[in-house]
């Protein structure tokens, strides 16, 4: 899935599952929990992934200049 420069967000817990994810310069956000299940490559170059909890599994990760943020709801 390609989400370059876009925002995917939810006020609730949601599981994001995909073969691959390109979140370059994008935002993947949840006000609550965010389980990530990416079977191949997760690219978060200059992107933001944030939630109150993050449980991430990926085949590979490129987080060059990217940010992961865990915050209380």
PDB file of N, CA and C in Angstrom:
ATOM      1  N   UNK A   1       0.843  -1.164   0.000  1.00  0.00           N
ATOM      2  CA  UNK A   1       0.000   0.000   0.000  1.00  0.00           C
ATOM      3  C   UNK A   1       0.895   1.236   0.000  1.00  0.00           C
ATOM      4  N   UNK A   2       0.529   2.217  -0.765  1.00  0.00           N
ATOM      5  CA  UNK A   2       1.272   3.473  -0.827  1.00  0.00           C
ATOM      6  C   UNK A   2       0.426   4.569  -0.195  1.00  0.00           C
ATOM      7  N   UNK A   3       1.030   5.260   0.787  1.00  0.00           N
ATOM      8  CA  UNK A   3       0.352   6.349   1.481  1.00  0.00           C
ATOM      9  C   UNK A   3       1.303   7.532   1.595  1.00  0.00           C
ATOM     10  N   UNK A   4       2.028   7.820   0.543  1.00  0.00           N
ATOM     11  CA  UNK A   4       3.033   8.876   0.568  1.00  0.00           C
ATOM     12  C   UNK A   4       2.369  10.240   0.720  1.00  0.00           C
ATOM     13  N   UNK A   5       2.718  10.937   1.814  1.00  0.00           N
ATOM     14  CA  UNK A   5       2.192  12.279   2.052  1.00  0.00           C
ATOM     15  C   UNK A   5       0.752  12.315   2.509  1.00  0.00           C
ATOM     16  N   UNK A   6       0.126  11.158   2.653  1.00  0.00           N
ATOM     17  CA  UNK A   6      -1.283  11.101   3.072  1.00  0.00           C
ATOM     18  C   UNK A   6      -1.391  10.848   4.567  1.00  0.00           C
ATOM     19  N   UNK A   7      -2.611  10.933   5.080  1.00  0.00           N
ATOM     20  CA  UNK A   7      -2.877  10.615   6.484  1.00  0.00           C
ATOM     21  C   UNK A   7      -3.933   9.533   6.563  1.00  0.00           C
ATOM     22  N   UNK A   8      -3.628   8.508   7.354  1.00  0.00           N
ATOM     23  CA  UNK A   8      -4.592   7.471   7.699  1.00  0.00           C
ATOM     24  C   UNK A   8      -4.735   7.554   9.205  1.00  0.00           C
ATOM     25  N   UNK A   9      -5.954   7.787   9.696  1.00  0.00           N
ATOM     26  CA  UNK A   9      -6.123   7.967  11.137  1.00  0.00           C
ATOM     27  C   UNK A   9      -7.461   7.412  11.604  1.00  0.00           C
ATOM     28  N   UNK A  10      -7.514   7.155  12.917  1.00  0.00           N
ATOM     29  CA  UNK A  10      -8.731   6.635  13.528  1.00  0.00           C
ATOM     30  C   UNK A  10      -8.776   7.063  14.982  1.00  0.00           C
ATOM     31  N   UNK A  11      -9.970   7.287  15.481  1.00  0.00           N
ATOM     32  CA  UNK A  11     -10.152   7.595  16.895  1.00  0.00           C
ATOM     33  C   UNK A  11     -10.160   6.313  17.728  1.00  0.00           C
ATOM     34  N   UNK A  12     -10.297   5.165  17.068  1.00  0.00           N
ATOM     35  CA  UNK A  12     -10.390   3.875  17.747  1.00  0.00           C
ATOM     36  C   UNK A  12      -9.142   3.029  17.455  1.00  0.00           C
ATOM     37  N   UNK A  13      -9.032   1.903  18.150  1.00  0.00           N
ATOM     38  CA  UNK A  13      -7.988   0.920  17.849  1.00  0.00           C
ATOM     39  C   UNK A  13      -8.278   0.337  16.477  1.00  0.00           C
ATOM     40  N   UNK A  14      -7.260   0.253  15.636  1.00  0.00           N
ATOM     41  CA  UNK A  14      -7.432  -0.467  14.376  1.00  0.00           C
ATOM     42  C   UNK A  14      -6.149  -1.193  14.030  1.00  0.00           C
ATOM     43  N   UNK A  15      -6.296  -2.394  13.497  1.00  0.00           N
ATOM     44  CA  UNK A  15      -5.154  -3.179  13.040  1.00  0.00           C
ATOM     45  C   UNK A  15      -4.910  -2.851  11.591  1.00  0.00           C
ATOM     46  N   UNK A  16      -3.685  -2.459  11.283  1.00  0.00           N
ATOM     47  CA  UNK A  16      -3.310  -2.159   9.905  1.00  0.00           C
ATOM     48  C   UNK A  16      -2.497  -3.335   9.401  1.00  0.00           C
ATOM     49  N   UNK A  17      -3.023  -4.059   8.420  1.00  0.00           N
ATOM     50  CA  UNK A  17      -2.355  -5.237   7.868  1.00  0.00           C
ATOM     51  C   UNK A  17      -2.207  -5.078   6.357  1.00  0.00           C
ATOM     52  N   UNK A  18      -0.997  -5.346   5.870  1.00  0.00           N
ATOM     53  CA  UNK A  18      -0.729  -5.243   4.435  1.00  0.00           C
ATOM     54  C   UNK A  18       0.542  -6.023   4.109  1.00  0.00           C
ATOM     55  N   UNK A  19       0.716  -6.345   2.833  1.00  0.00           N
ATOM     56  CA  UNK A  19       1.963  -6.977   2.407  1.00  0.00           C
ATOM     57  C   UNK A  19       3.123  -6.016   2.588  1.00  0.00           C
ATOM     58  N   UNK A  20       2.937  -4.755   2.181  1.00  0.00           N
ATOM     59  CA  UNK A  20       3.971  -3.730   2.345  1.00  0.00           C
ATOM     60  C   UNK A  20       3.274  -2.389   2.561  1.00  0.00           C
ATOM     61  N   UNK A  21       4.027  -1.450   3.150  1.00  0.00           N
ATOM     62  CA  UNK A  21       3.482  -0.117   3.392  1.00  0.00           C
ATOM     63  C   UNK A  21       4.568   0.912   3.132  1.00  0.00           C
ATOM     64  N   UNK A  22       4.270   1.886   2.274  1.00  0.00           N
ATOM     65  CA  UNK A  22       5.145   3.029   2.046  1.00  0.00           C
ATOM     66  C   UNK A  22       4.444   4.245   2.645  1.00  0.00           C
ATOM     67  N   UNK A  23       4.877   4.636   3.834  1.00  0.00           N
ATOM     68  CA  UNK A  23       4.303   5.765   4.554  1.00  0.00           C
ATOM     69  C   UNK A  23       5.247   6.977   4.484  1.00  0.00           C
ATOM     70  N   UNK A  24       6.025   7.076   3.417  1.00  0.00           N
ATOM     71  CA  UNK A  24       6.985   8.169   3.272  1.00  0.00           C
ATOM     72  C   UNK A  24       6.276   9.521   3.311  1.00  0.00           C
ATOM     73  N   UNK A  25       6.718  10.378   4.230  1.00  0.00           N
ATOM     74  CA  UNK A  25       6.138  11.709   4.449  1.00  0.00           C
ATOM     75  C   UNK A  25       4.656  11.652   4.793  1.00  0.00           C
ATOM     76  N   UNK A  26       4.169  10.501   5.193  1.00  0.00           N
ATOM     77  CA  UNK A  26       2.757  10.340   5.546  1.00  0.00           C
ATOM     78  C   UNK A  26       2.559  10.247   7.044  1.00  0.00           C
ATOM     79  N   UNK A  27       1.307  10.079   7.444  1.00  0.00           N
ATOM     80  CA  UNK A  27       0.946   9.951   8.849  1.00  0.00           C
ATOM     81  C   UNK A  27       0.021   8.751   9.007  1.00  0.00           C
ATOM     82  N   UNK A  28       0.357   7.888   9.944  1.00  0.00           N
ATOM     83  CA  UNK A  28      -0.479   6.753  10.310  1.00  0.00           C
ATOM     84  C   UNK A  28      -0.744   6.909  11.802  1.00  0.00           C
ATOM     85  N   UNK A  29      -1.986   7.268  12.169  1.00  0.00           N
ATOM     86  CA  UNK A  29      -2.287   7.698  13.531  1.00  0.00           C
ATOM     87  C   UNK A  29      -3.527   7.010  14.093  1.00  0.00           C
ATOM     88  N   UNK A  30      -3.483   6.751  15.389  1.00  0.00           N
ATOM     89  CA  UNK A  30      -4.651   6.252  16.104  1.00  0.00           C
ATOM     90  C   UNK A  30      -4.681   6.913  17.475  1.00  0.00           C
ATOM     91  N   UNK A  31      -5.859   7.320  17.923  1.00  0.00           N
ATOM     92  CA  UNK A  31      -5.984   7.867  19.276  1.00  0.00           C
ATOM     93  C   UNK A  31      -5.797   6.780  20.328  1.00  0.00           C
ATOM     94  N   UNK A  32      -6.007   5.529  19.937  1.00  0.00           N
ATOM     95  CA  UNK A  32      -5.842   4.400  20.858  1.00  0.00           C
ATOM     96  C   UNK A  32      -4.718   3.511  20.338  1.00  0.00           C
ATOM     97  N   UNK A  33      -4.897   2.208  20.323  1.00  0.00           N
ATOM     98  CA  UNK A  33      -3.851   1.277  19.925  1.00  0.00           C
ATOM     99  C   UNK A  33      -3.718   1.135  18.422  1.00  0.00           C
ATOM    100  N   UNK A  34      -2.509   0.756  17.994  1.00  0.00           N
ATOM    101  CA  UNK A  34      -2.242   0.570  16.569  1.00  0.00           C
ATOM    102  C   UNK A  34      -1.376  -0.675  16.356  1.00  0.00           C
ATOM    103  N   UNK A  35      -1.995  -1.839  16.174  1.00  0.00           N
ATOM    104  CA  UNK A  35      -1.233  -3.019  15.792  1.00  0.00           C
ATOM    105  C   UNK A  35      -0.913  -2.945  14.284  1.00  0.00           C
ATOM    106  N   UNK A  36       0.364  -3.061  13.938  1.00  0.00           N
ATOM    107  CA  UNK A  36       0.807  -3.054  12.538  1.00  0.00           C
ATOM    108  C   UNK A  36       1.276  -4.451  12.162  1.00  0.00           C
ATOM    109  N   UNK A  37       0.766  -4.989  11.086  1.00  0.00           N
ATOM    110  CA  UNK A  37       1.159  -6.302  10.592  1.00  0.00           C
ATOM    111  C   UNK A  37       1.539  -6.160   9.117  1.00  0.00           C
ATOM    112  N   UNK A  38       2.815  -5.923   8.874  1.00  0.00           N
ATOM    113  CA  UNK A  38       3.321  -5.727   7.520  1.00  0.00           C
ATOM    114  C   UNK A  38       4.227  -6.911   7.208  1.00  0.00           C
ATOM    115  N   UNK A  39       3.821  -7.767   6.305  1.00  0.00           N
ATOM    116  CA  UNK A  39       4.564  -9.003   6.074  1.00  0.00           C
ATOM    117  C   UNK A  39       5.891  -8.784   5.348  1.00  0.00           C
ATOM    118  N   UNK A  40       6.016  -7.708   4.576  1.00  0.00           N
ATOM    119  CA  UNK A  40       7.256  -7.442   3.861  1.00  0.00           C
ATOM    120  C   UNK A  40       7.847  -6.120   4.348  1.00  0.00           C
ATOM    121  N   UNK A  41       8.001  -5.138   3.483  1.00  0.00           N
ATOM    122  CA  UNK A  41       8.710  -3.894   3.817  1.00  0.00           C
ATOM    123  C   UNK A  41       7.778  -2.809   4.356  1.00  0.00           C
ATOM    124  N   UNK A  42       8.239  -2.159   5.423  1.00  0.00           N
ATOM    125  CA  UNK A  42       7.578  -0.975   5.977  1.00  0.00           C
ATOM    126  C   UNK A  42       8.545   0.187   5.801  1.00  0.00           C
ATOM    127  N   UNK A  43       8.153   1.164   4.993  1.00  0.00           N
ATOM    128  CA  UNK A  43       8.965   2.349   4.759  1.00  0.00           C
ATOM    129  C   UNK A  43       8.269   3.541   5.404  1.00  0.00           C
ATOM    130  N   UNK A  44       8.958   4.161   6.362  1.00  0.00           N
ATOM    131  CA  UNK A  44       8.406   5.313   7.078  1.00  0.00           C
ATOM    132  C   UNK A  44       9.371   6.491   6.941  1.00  0.00           C
ATOM    133  N   UNK A  45       9.933   6.675   5.755  1.00  0.00           N
ATOM    134  CA  UNK A  45      10.919   7.726   5.513  1.00  0.00           C
ATOM    135  C   UNK A  45      10.254   9.092   5.697  1.00  0.00           C
ATOM    136  N   UNK A  46      10.738   9.844   6.682  1.00  0.00           N
ATOM    137  CA  UNK A  46      10.198  11.161   7.031  1.00  0.00           C
ATOM    138  C   UNK A  46       8.707  11.120   7.362  1.00  0.00           C
ATOM    139  N   UNK A  47       8.215   9.944   7.729  1.00  0.00           N
ATOM    140  CA  UNK A  47       6.802   9.791   8.076  1.00  0.00           C
ATOM    141  C   UNK A  47       6.600   9.809   9.580  1.00  0.00           C
ATOM    142  N   UNK A  48       5.343   9.747   9.988  1.00  0.00           N
ATOM    143  CA  UNK A  48       4.971   9.724  11.399  1.00  0.00           C
ATOM    144  C   UNK A  48       4.007   8.574  11.632  1.00  0.00           C
ATOM    145  N   UNK A  49       4.336   7.735  12.608  1.00  0.00           N
ATOM    146  CA  UNK A  49       3.444   6.676  13.067  1.00  0.00           C
ATOM    147  C   UNK A  49       3.223   6.939  14.549  1.00  0.00           C
ATOM    148  N   UNK A  50       1.966   7.157  14.946  1.00  0.00           N
ATOM    149  CA  UNK A  50       1.699   7.515  16.332  1.00  0.00           C
ATOM    150  C   UNK A  50       0.403   6.932  16.851  1.00  0.00           C
ATOM    151  N   UNK A  51       0.414   6.550  18.121  1.00  0.00           N
ATOM    152  CA  UNK A  51      -0.768   5.999  18.784  1.00  0.00           C
ATOM    153  C   UNK A  51      -0.492   5.948  20.276  1.00  0.00           C
ATOM    154  N   UNK A  52      -1.505   5.551  21.060  1.00  0.00           N
ATOM    155  CA  UNK A  52      -1.280   5.396  22.499  1.00  0.00           C
ATOM    156  C   UNK A  52      -0.455   4.143  22.777  1.00  0.00           C
ATOM    157  N   UNK A  53      -0.596   3.117  21.942  1.00  0.00           N
ATOM    158  CA  UNK A  53       0.268   1.934  21.968  1.00  0.00           C
ATOM    159  C   UNK A  53       0.504   1.501  20.529  1.00  0.00           C
ATOM    160  N   UNK A  54       1.698   1.000  20.264  1.00  0.00           N
ATOM    161  CA  UNK A  54       2.031   0.497  18.931  1.00  0.00           C
ATOM    162  C   UNK A  54       2.630  -0.891  19.089  1.00  0.00           C
ATOM    163  N   UNK A  55       2.089  -1.844  18.352  1.00  0.00           N
ATOM    164  CA  UNK A  55       2.602  -3.208  18.315  1.00  0.00           C
ATOM    165  C   UNK A  55       2.915  -3.497  16.849  1.00  0.00           C
ATOM    166  N   UNK A  56       4.192  -3.384  16.478  1.00  0.00           N
ATOM    167  CA  UNK A  56       4.563  -3.460  15.062  1.00  0.00           C
ATOM    168  C   UNK A  56       5.337  -4.729  14.742  1.00  0.00           C
ATOM    169  N   UNK A  57       4.956  -5.346  13.626  1.00  0.00           N
ATOM    170  CA  UNK A  57       5.681  -6.467  13.055  1.00  0.00           C
ATOM    171  C   UNK A  57       5.827  -6.200  11.575  1.00  0.00           C
ATOM    172  N   UNK A  58       7.078  -6.268  11.081  1.00  0.00           N
ATOM    173  CA  UNK A  58       7.334  -6.040   9.658  1.00  0.00           C
ATOM    174  C   UNK A  58       8.520  -6.890   9.226  1.00  0.00           C
ATOM    175  N   UNK A  59       8.512  -7.278   7.956  1.00  0.00           N
ATOM    176  CA  UNK A  59       9.629  -8.045   7.409  1.00  0.00           C
ATOM    177  C   UNK A  59      10.907  -7.230   7.407  1.00  0.00           C
ATOM    178  N   UNK A  60      10.804  -5.937   7.103  1.00  0.00           N
ATOM    179  CA  UNK A  60      11.942  -5.014   7.155  1.00  0.00           C
ATOM    180  C   UNK A  60      11.399  -3.611   7.410  1.00  0.00           C
ATOM    181  N   UNK A  61      12.281  -2.738   7.892  1.00  0.00           N
ATOM    182  CA  UNK A  61      11.879  -1.382   8.241  1.00  0.00           C
ATOM    183  C   UNK A  61      12.926  -0.387   7.770  1.00  0.00           C
ATOM    184  N   UNK A  62      12.482   0.661   7.068  1.00  0.00           N
ATOM    185  CA  UNK A  62      13.323   1.817   6.760  1.00  0.00           C
ATOM    186  C   UNK A  62      12.637   3.012   7.397  1.00  0.00           C
ATOM    187  N   UNK A  63      13.228   3.521   8.469  1.00  0.00           N
ATOM    188  CA  UNK A  63      12.647   4.623   9.221  1.00  0.00           C
ATOM    189  C   UNK A  63      13.528   5.864   9.109  1.00  0.00           C
ATOM    190  N   UNK A  64      14.234   6.023   7.983  1.00  0.00           N
ATOM    191  CA  UNK A  64      15.158   7.143   7.792  1.00  0.00           C
ATOM    192  C   UNK A  64      14.419   8.471   7.960  1.00  0.00           C
ATOM    193  N   UNK A  65      14.769   9.221   9.015  1.00  0.00           N
ATOM    194  CA  UNK A  65      14.139  10.511   9.260  1.00  0.00           C
ATOM    195  C   UNK A  65      12.707  10.419   9.721  1.00  0.00           C
ATOM    196  N   UNK A  66      12.226   9.205   9.987  1.00  0.00           N
ATOM    197  CA  UNK A  66      10.842   9.015  10.416  1.00  0.00           C
ATOM    198  C   UNK A  66      10.705   9.098  11.926  1.00  0.00           C
ATOM    199  N   UNK A  67       9.457   9.224  12.387  1.00  0.00           N
ATOM    200  CA  UNK A  67       9.174   9.353  13.812  1.00  0.00           C
ATOM    201  C   UNK A  67       8.109   8.340  14.230  1.00  0.00           C
ATOM    202  N   UNK A  68       8.337   7.698  15.364  1.00  0.00           N
ATOM    203  CA  UNK A  68       7.347   6.855  16.019  1.00  0.00           C
ATOM    204  C   UNK A  68       7.015   7.549  17.334  1.00  0.00           C
ATOM    205  N   UNK A  69       5.732   7.732  17.595  1.00  0.00           N
ATOM    206  CA  UNK A  69       5.319   8.449  18.796  1.00  0.00           C
ATOM    207  C   UNK A  69       4.259   7.643  19.543  1.00  0.00           C
ATOM    208  N   UNK A  70       4.539   7.380  20.821  1.00  0.00           N
ATOM    209  CA  UNK A  70       3.565   6.715  21.672  1.00  0.00           C
ATOM    210  C   UNK A  70       3.145   7.730  22.724  1.00  0.00           C
ATOM    211  N   UNK A  71       1.837   7.956  22.823  1.00  0.00           N
ATOM    212  CA  UNK A  71       1.324   8.962  23.746  1.00  0.00           C
ATOM    213  C   UNK A  71       0.076   8.441  24.447  1.00  0.00           C
ATOM    214  N   UNK A  72      -0.188   8.995  25.569  1.00  0.00           N
ATOM    215  CA  UNK A  72      -1.381   8.594  26.322  1.00  0.00           C
ATOM    216  C   UNK A  72      -2.625   9.217  25.682  1.00  0.00           C
ATOM    217  N   UNK A  73      -3.725   8.448  25.665  1.00  0.00           N
ATOM    218  CA  UNK A  73      -4.963   8.998  25.072  1.00  0.00           C
ATOM    219  C   UNK A  73      -5.542  10.126  25.888  1.00  0.00           C
TER     220      UNK A  73
END
